[in-house]
Amino acid sequence: MTRIGIVGAGAAAAAATYALDEAIDDASVTVLEKSRGVCGRAATRRRGDVVYDYGANYVKSEDDRVVDLLTGTLDTDGLVDVEEPIWTFDRDGTVSEGRDADEHKWTYRQGLTQIAKRLFARTDATIRQETRIDRLIRDANAGPADPQWRLEDDDGETWGPFDVLCLNPPAPQTAELLRSAAWDADVRTSLVDAIEDVPYRTVWTGVLHYPFELEKPYYALVNADKDHEIGWVAREECKPGHIPEGESLLIVQANHDWSVAHYDDDLGENIRALAAMTVDILDDDRLTDPDWTDHQGWRYAQPEAGVLEGPLRAAEDANLYCLGDWVAGEGRIHAALRNGLDVSERIVLSR
C-alpha cells in the first residue's frame, strides 16, 4: 500500500488526490484540511437563494488538461459560463471597454467549491476537515529510499505514517510547517528560504447585495493600471443560478496596498469605504447602501511569482512534495489544478 498524506484541501490538492487515486492501485490518500470547507480560495457561500464566489471568481479555459478535467472527467451538470465581457477602469475610475476574450469563465450554479467537492467525491480518499496540522515528523529509522512522514495536529493527534507527503497551504504557511520538520537541515533550510521568497498579494473583499438589478454591459471591471484602491468589481448576477431575478450582488476586491493598510480595521468602515468607491466607478448612487453585506480578508490571496525548482526537487527525493498556485507561479485556479496534476505525475513516476 502507498500511503499518501496531503495537508490542505485546495484545488491543487483535489486534482492531485483524484489523479493519484486513479493511477496508483494501492493508494491510500488522507487529506487534512484546517477549515470547514474545501477548494481554498475558490470559495463559495450561500445566503438564502443567493450563491456567490467570494474569493477566486471563475476558472479560465487556458489549459487543455484542466478543460478535459472540467468538461470530460467531471459531471458537467451545473457547470456554467459567464458570457458577459470584462472591462477596465483606470486610477481616475474611468471605465473603458475591454477585450472580449475567447476563453471561458467557468463556475458552477452551486459555486466554485464544486471543483474540489466533485474531484474528492470520485476518490476513496479520507477527507478530514477542521484539522489543523502544526508539525511534520520524519521517521528517524526510515531509510533514504523509503522515508516515512507523520503529522501532528493542534490537538496533539498524530496522523500517518505516510510514504508520500504533499503540502498544499499558501507558501508562508507551508514554510512555517517545514520549520517544524526534523529532517535533513540543509534541504529543509534551502526549501524554506526559497518558499519565503514567494511574494503575495493581500486582498480584502467586500460583498455588496442590492434588491434591484444593475443594467451594465459587462460582467466585471478590472483596474488596468493597478493604481486604484479597488482592483476588481464583479457582478455575481452574471453567473447563471447565483442571484435571483431582480437582485444584484457585487464582489469588490481592494488592491494590495489598501488591503494591507485596512486589513484589521472596523468591518463596517471598510464596507462603507468600498461601497463609496464603487459608487464612483459605476456612477450609481444607489450602491451607497447595500441591503446586506459580507466580507473576507485574504492575507495570502495570490502569489506574484513562483518558487525556485531546485529546492522543491531536492525535497521530493525525501518524498515531500509542495503543490498549489504558488508552485505554479500563477494565482489562478486553472494553474493550481494543472500543478496538482503535474505533481501527481511525478509521484507516480517515483513509485
Protein backbone atom coordinates (compact mmCIF):
# COMPACT_ATOMS: atom_id res chain seq x y z
CA MET A 1 0.00 0.00 0.00
CA THR A 2 1.19 3.53 -0.85
CA ARG A 3 0.15 5.82 1.99
CA ILE A 4 -0.17 9.45 0.90
CA GLY A 5 -0.83 12.36 3.25
CA ILE A 6 -1.96 15.75 1.93
CA VAL A 7 -2.11 18.89 4.06
CA GLY A 8 -4.73 21.29 2.71
CA ALA A 9 -7.76 20.65 0.51
CA GLY A 10 -7.30 23.34 -2.13
CA ALA A 11 -7.79 22.96 -5.86
CA ALA A 12 -4.27 21.55 -6.43
CA ALA A 13 -4.76 19.00 -3.64
CA ALA A 14 -8.11 17.95 -5.09
CA ALA A 15 -6.62 17.43 -8.57
CA ALA A 16 -3.65 15.52 -7.15
CA THR A 17 -5.89 13.34 -4.97
CA TYR A 18 -8.04 12.42 -7.95
CA ALA A 19 -5.07 11.67 -10.22
CA LEU A 20 -3.23 9.61 -7.56
CA ASP A 21 -6.34 7.62 -6.73
CA GLU A 22 -6.73 6.82 -10.43
CA ALA A 23 -3.09 5.98 -11.14
CA ILE A 24 -1.93 4.06 -8.05
CA ASP A 25 -3.95 0.90 -7.44
CA ASP A 26 -2.99 0.56 -3.78
CA ALA A 27 -3.09 4.27 -2.91
CA SER A 28 -4.48 5.27 0.47
CA VAL A 29 -4.89 9.05 0.48
CA THR A 30 -5.65 11.14 3.59
CA VAL A 31 -6.40 14.85 3.17
CA LEU A 32 -6.27 17.06 6.27
CA GLU A 33 -7.86 20.50 5.99
CA LYS A 34 -7.91 23.15 8.74
CA SER A 35 -11.20 24.79 7.68
CA ARG A 36 -14.74 23.51 7.31
CA GLY A 37 -14.65 23.82 3.52
CA VAL A 38 -12.59 22.66 0.56
CA CYS A 39 -11.08 24.26 -2.55
CA GLY A 40 -9.16 27.00 -0.75
CA ARG A 41 -9.63 30.46 -2.25
CA ALA A 42 -12.08 29.04 -4.78
CA ALA A 43 -14.65 29.63 -2.06
CA THR A 44 -18.44 29.83 -2.15
CA ARG A 45 -21.08 30.99 0.30
CA ARG A 46 -24.85 30.77 0.23
CA ARG A 47 -27.40 33.10 1.80
CA GLY A 48 -30.97 32.02 1.14
CA ASP A 49 -31.32 31.77 -2.64
CA VAL A 50 -28.12 33.74 -3.22
CA VAL A 51 -24.88 31.92 -4.16
CA TYR A 52 -21.61 33.81 -4.50
CA ASP A 53 -17.94 33.07 -5.13
CA TYR A 54 -16.16 35.44 -2.76
CA GLY A 55 -12.53 34.51 -3.44
CA ALA A 56 -11.48 33.39 -6.90
CA ASN A 57 -14.11 34.40 -9.43
CA TYR A 58 -14.03 31.71 -12.13
CA VAL A 59 -11.86 29.14 -13.91
CA LYS A 60 -10.27 30.09 -17.21
CA SER A 61 -10.03 27.59 -20.05
CA GLU A 62 -6.30 28.11 -20.62
CA ASP A 63 -5.04 24.56 -20.05
CA ASP A 64 -6.18 21.55 -22.11
CA ARG A 65 -5.88 19.09 -19.24
CA VAL A 66 -7.91 21.32 -16.95
CA VAL A 67 -10.53 21.73 -19.68
CA ASP A 68 -10.68 17.93 -20.01
CA LEU A 69 -10.97 17.62 -16.26
CA LEU A 70 -13.92 20.01 -16.01
CA THR A 71 -15.78 19.08 -19.19
CA GLY A 72 -14.83 15.42 -19.61
CA THR A 73 -13.87 13.79 -16.34
CA LEU A 74 -16.28 15.61 -14.05
CA ASP A 75 -20.04 15.78 -14.36
CA THR A 76 -20.86 18.96 -16.29
CA ASP A 77 -24.29 19.26 -14.69
CA GLY A 78 -24.40 22.75 -13.21
CA LEU A 79 -21.25 23.96 -14.99
CA VAL A 80 -21.96 27.47 -16.28
CA ASP A 81 -20.08 30.07 -18.31
CA VAL A 82 -20.01 33.81 -17.71
CA GLU A 83 -20.76 35.26 -21.13
CA GLU A 84 -20.53 38.98 -20.40
CA PRO A 85 -17.09 40.58 -21.01
CA ILE A 86 -14.60 42.11 -18.60
CA TRP A 87 -13.99 45.84 -19.00
CA THR A 88 -11.35 48.05 -17.39
CA PHE A 89 -11.08 51.22 -15.32
CA ASP A 90 -8.13 53.48 -14.52
CA ARG A 91 -6.85 55.36 -11.46
CA ASP A 92 -9.49 58.05 -12.01
CA GLY A 93 -12.29 55.50 -12.14
CA THR A 94 -12.85 55.99 -15.87
CA VAL A 95 -14.40 52.85 -17.37
CA SER A 96 -13.30 51.61 -20.79
CA GLU A 97 -14.48 48.76 -22.93
CA GLY A 98 -12.16 45.78 -22.61
CA ARG A 99 -11.43 42.95 -24.95
CA ASP A 100 -14.00 40.18 -25.17
CA ALA A 101 -11.55 37.31 -24.66
CA ASP A 102 -12.24 33.94 -26.22
CA GLU A 103 -11.54 31.85 -23.14
CA HIS A 104 -14.35 30.54 -20.96
CA LYS A 105 -15.04 31.89 -17.48
CA TRP A 106 -16.45 28.83 -15.74
CA THR A 107 -18.10 28.30 -12.40
CA TYR A 108 -20.98 26.15 -11.16
CA ARG A 109 -24.53 27.01 -10.20
CA GLN A 110 -23.58 25.77 -6.73
CA GLY A 111 -20.31 27.75 -6.81
CA LEU A 112 -16.61 27.14 -7.42
CA THR A 113 -16.19 24.82 -4.43
CA GLN A 114 -17.86 22.20 -6.60
CA ILE A 115 -14.50 21.64 -8.30
CA ALA A 116 -12.87 20.15 -5.22
CA LYS A 117 -16.07 18.52 -3.97
CA ARG A 118 -16.55 16.67 -7.25
CA LEU A 119 -12.90 15.65 -7.56
CA PHE A 120 -12.74 14.31 -4.00
CA ALA A 121 -16.07 12.52 -4.48
CA ARG A 122 -14.56 10.46 -7.31
CA THR A 123 -11.93 9.00 -4.97
CA ASP A 124 -11.71 6.72 -1.94
CA ALA A 125 -9.66 9.35 -0.09
CA THR A 126 -10.28 10.19 3.55
CA ILE A 127 -11.06 13.91 3.84
CA ARG A 128 -10.75 15.23 7.39
CA GLN A 129 -11.82 18.85 7.81
CA GLU A 130 -11.30 21.18 10.80
CA THR A 131 -7.94 19.51 11.37
CA ARG A 132 -5.06 21.96 11.67
CA ILE A 133 -1.62 20.41 11.22
CA ASP A 134 1.05 22.01 13.39
CA ARG A 135 4.06 19.76 12.95
CA LEU A 136 5.78 17.48 10.45
CA ILE A 137 7.66 14.46 11.78
CA ARG A 138 10.16 12.43 9.77
CA ASP A 139 10.70 8.84 10.94
CA ALA A 140 14.35 8.73 12.01
CA ASN A 141 14.52 4.97 11.38
CA ALA A 142 13.40 5.19 7.76
CA GLY A 143 16.00 4.68 5.06
CA PRO A 144 16.69 7.37 2.42
CA ALA A 145 14.80 5.42 -0.23
CA ASP A 146 11.73 4.93 1.97
CA PRO A 147 11.22 7.93 4.25
CA GLN A 148 8.20 7.90 6.49
CA TRP A 149 6.30 11.04 7.47
CA ARG A 150 3.89 11.70 10.31
CA LEU A 151 1.76 14.75 11.05
CA GLU A 152 0.68 16.19 14.38
CA ASP A 153 -2.44 18.37 14.64
CA ASP A 154 -3.19 21.12 17.14
CA ASP A 155 -5.00 18.64 19.39
CA GLY A 156 -1.85 16.53 19.65
CA GLU A 157 -3.21 13.71 17.47
CA THR A 158 -0.70 12.04 15.17
CA TRP A 159 -1.53 11.09 11.57
CA GLY A 160 0.37 8.60 9.44
CA PRO A 161 2.83 7.20 8.77
CA PHE A 162 2.81 8.31 5.15
CA ASP A 163 5.12 7.16 2.36
CA VAL A 164 4.48 10.42 0.50
CA LEU A 165 3.63 13.81 1.95
CA CYS A 166 2.12 16.72 -0.03
CA LEU A 167 1.82 20.27 1.28
CA ASN A 168 -0.88 22.49 -0.23
CA PRO A 169 -1.18 25.56 2.09
CA PRO A 170 -0.11 29.01 0.83
CA ALA A 171 3.66 29.47 0.71
CA PRO A 172 4.08 31.32 4.05
CA GLN A 173 2.07 28.66 5.91
CA THR A 174 3.96 25.87 4.16
CA ALA A 175 7.27 27.45 5.18
CA GLU A 176 6.10 27.67 8.79
CA LEU A 177 5.18 23.97 8.77
CA LEU A 178 8.51 23.00 7.27
CA ARG A 179 10.42 24.79 10.01
CA SER A 180 8.99 22.23 12.46
CA ALA A 181 10.17 19.23 10.44
CA ALA A 182 13.06 17.24 11.91
CA TRP A 183 14.83 16.10 8.75
CA ASP A 184 17.82 16.98 6.61
CA ALA A 185 18.69 20.50 7.79
CA ASP A 186 20.36 21.61 4.55
CA VAL A 187 17.46 20.52 2.34
CA ARG A 188 14.87 21.93 4.75
CA THR A 189 16.62 25.29 5.12
CA SER A 190 17.08 25.68 1.37
CA LEU A 191 13.42 24.85 0.78
CA VAL A 192 12.13 27.20 3.47
CA ASP A 193 14.31 30.04 2.15
CA ALA A 194 13.01 29.52 -1.38
CA ILE A 195 9.38 29.39 -0.26
CA GLU A 196 9.72 32.52 1.87
CA ASP A 197 10.84 34.42 -1.22
CA VAL A 198 7.43 33.94 -2.88
CA PRO A 199 5.69 37.35 -2.83
CA TYR A 200 1.97 37.51 -2.12
CA ARG A 201 -0.83 39.93 -2.81
CA THR A 202 -3.25 40.60 0.06
CA VAL A 203 -6.90 41.21 -0.86
CA TRP A 204 -9.74 42.48 1.33
CA THR A 205 -13.07 41.58 -0.29
CA GLY A 206 -16.43 43.24 0.25
CA VAL A 207 -19.68 41.58 -0.80
CA LEU A 208 -22.49 44.09 -1.50
CA HIS A 209 -26.06 42.94 -2.14
CA TYR A 210 -28.86 45.11 -3.57
CA PRO A 211 -32.62 44.47 -4.01
CA PHE A 212 -32.55 45.73 -7.60
CA GLU A 213 -30.92 44.82 -10.90
CA LEU A 214 -27.95 46.66 -12.34
CA GLU A 215 -28.03 47.34 -16.07
CA LYS A 216 -24.42 47.09 -17.21
CA PRO A 217 -22.89 45.69 -20.43
CA TYR A 218 -20.07 43.88 -18.60
CA TYR A 219 -19.57 41.13 -16.04
CA ALA A 220 -16.65 42.76 -14.23
CA LEU A 221 -14.28 45.72 -14.17
CA VAL A 222 -10.55 45.31 -13.57
CA ASN A 223 -8.19 48.15 -12.70
CA ALA A 224 -5.86 48.08 -15.70
CA ASP A 225 -3.20 50.47 -14.38
CA LYS A 226 -3.25 48.93 -10.87
CA ASP A 227 -3.28 52.41 -9.39
CA HIS A 228 -6.78 52.50 -7.90
CA GLU A 229 -7.68 51.45 -4.36
CA ILE A 230 -10.10 48.93 -5.85
CA GLY A 231 -8.70 46.24 -8.10
CA TRP A 232 -11.82 44.36 -9.18
CA VAL A 233 -15.61 44.72 -9.20
CA ALA A 234 -17.72 41.78 -10.45
CA ARG A 235 -21.46 41.33 -10.93
CA GLU A 236 -22.32 37.92 -9.49
CA GLU A 237 -25.73 38.01 -11.20
CA CYS A 238 -23.92 37.30 -14.48
CA LYS A 239 -23.35 33.74 -13.24
CA PRO A 240 -26.42 31.64 -14.04
CA GLY A 241 -28.14 30.33 -10.94
CA HIS A 242 -26.32 32.57 -8.46
CA ILE A 243 -28.56 35.59 -7.90
CA PRO A 244 -32.39 35.65 -8.05
CA GLU A 245 -34.01 37.82 -10.71
CA GLY A 246 -34.42 41.42 -9.64
CA GLU A 247 -31.35 41.45 -7.37
CA SER A 248 -27.67 42.30 -7.73
CA LEU A 249 -24.55 41.31 -5.83
CA LEU A 250 -21.14 42.89 -6.27
CA ILE A 251 -17.82 41.27 -5.36
CA VAL A 252 -15.49 44.21 -4.65
CA GLN A 253 -11.81 43.42 -4.14
CA ALA A 254 -9.48 46.11 -2.82
CA ASN A 255 -5.93 46.38 -4.14
CA HIS A 256 -2.94 45.10 -2.16
CA ASP A 257 -1.87 48.36 -0.52
CA TRP A 258 -5.37 49.28 0.62
CA SER A 259 -6.00 45.73 1.85
CA VAL A 260 -2.80 45.67 3.91
CA ALA A 261 -3.47 49.12 5.38
CA HIS A 262 -7.08 48.34 6.35
CA TYR A 263 -6.94 44.58 6.93
CA ASP A 264 -7.76 44.82 10.66
CA ASP A 265 -9.86 48.00 10.54
CA ASP A 266 -13.51 48.18 11.55
CA LEU A 267 -15.52 45.96 9.20
CA GLY A 268 -18.33 48.46 8.79
CA GLU A 269 -15.94 51.26 7.89
CA ASN A 270 -14.21 49.06 5.31
CA ILE A 271 -17.52 48.12 3.70
CA ARG A 272 -18.65 51.75 3.59
CA ALA A 273 -15.35 52.80 2.02
CA LEU A 274 -15.53 50.11 -0.67
CA ALA A 275 -19.18 50.93 -1.39
CA ALA A 276 -18.36 54.63 -1.78
CA MET A 277 -15.54 53.88 -4.22
CA THR A 278 -17.81 51.50 -6.13
CA VAL A 279 -20.41 54.28 -6.44
CA ASP A 280 -17.79 56.47 -8.12
CA ILE A 281 -16.61 53.79 -10.53
CA LEU A 282 -20.05 52.52 -11.56
CA ASP A 283 -21.57 56.03 -11.37
CA ASP A 284 -24.64 54.84 -9.45
CA ASP A 285 -25.57 56.47 -6.12
CA ARG A 286 -27.92 53.59 -5.28
CA LEU A 287 -24.87 51.49 -4.48
CA THR A 288 -24.10 53.60 -1.39
CA ASP A 289 -26.40 51.49 0.82
CA PRO A 290 -26.42 47.73 0.18
CA ASP A 291 -29.24 45.93 1.99
CA TRP A 292 -26.80 43.30 3.28
CA THR A 293 -23.07 42.72 3.09
CA ASP A 294 -20.39 40.15 3.69
CA HIS A 295 -16.60 40.28 3.68
CA GLN A 296 -13.43 38.21 3.66
CA GLY A 297 -9.81 39.11 4.16
CA TRP A 298 -7.36 37.05 2.11
CA ARG A 299 -3.94 37.68 3.63
CA TYR A 300 -2.35 35.29 1.12
CA ALA A 301 -4.66 35.86 -1.82
CA GLN A 302 -2.43 35.48 -4.86
CA PRO A 303 1.23 34.65 -5.39
CA GLU A 304 3.00 37.24 -7.50
CA ALA A 305 5.75 34.83 -8.61
CA GLY A 306 6.76 31.19 -8.38
CA VAL A 307 9.36 29.33 -6.35
CA LEU A 308 12.80 28.03 -7.32
CA GLU A 309 12.53 24.46 -8.61
CA GLY A 310 15.85 23.19 -7.25
CA PRO A 311 14.85 23.13 -3.56
CA LEU A 312 11.47 21.61 -4.49
CA ARG A 313 13.09 18.74 -6.37
CA ALA A 314 15.58 18.11 -3.54
CA ALA A 315 12.65 17.75 -1.12
CA GLU A 316 10.94 15.34 -3.50
CA ASP A 317 13.90 12.96 -3.04
CA ALA A 318 12.57 12.59 0.51
CA ASN A 319 9.03 12.04 -0.83
CA LEU A 320 7.88 15.50 0.23
CA TYR A 321 6.02 17.48 -2.43
CA CYS A 322 4.74 21.05 -2.49
CA LEU A 323 1.77 21.95 -4.65
CA GLY A 324 -0.51 24.88 -5.32
CA ASP A 325 -0.78 28.03 -7.38
CA TRP A 326 2.37 29.43 -5.73
CA VAL A 327 4.33 26.44 -7.04
CA ALA A 328 2.88 27.08 -10.49
CA GLY A 329 3.76 30.77 -10.13
CA GLU A 330 0.31 31.98 -11.13
CA GLY A 331 -2.54 32.78 -8.76
CA ARG A 332 -5.28 31.18 -10.84
CA ILE A 333 -7.47 28.13 -10.28
CA HIS A 334 -6.52 26.54 -13.57
CA ALA A 335 -2.84 26.91 -12.64
CA ALA A 336 -3.45 25.24 -9.27
CA LEU A 337 -5.34 22.37 -10.90
CA ARG A 338 -2.60 21.93 -13.50
CA ASN A 339 0.05 21.91 -10.80
CA GLY A 340 -1.84 19.25 -8.86
CA LEU A 341 -1.87 17.06 -11.96
CA ASP A 342 1.85 17.71 -12.57
CA VAL A 343 2.82 16.79 -9.02
CA SER A 344 0.74 13.64 -9.10
CA GLU A 345 2.58 12.54 -12.25
CA ARG A 346 5.94 12.93 -10.53
CA ILE A 347 4.71 10.97 -7.52
CA VAL A 348 3.51 8.15 -9.76
CA LEU A 349 6.85 8.03 -11.60
CA SER A 350 8.69 7.83 -8.26
CA ARG A 351 6.80 4.74 -7.10
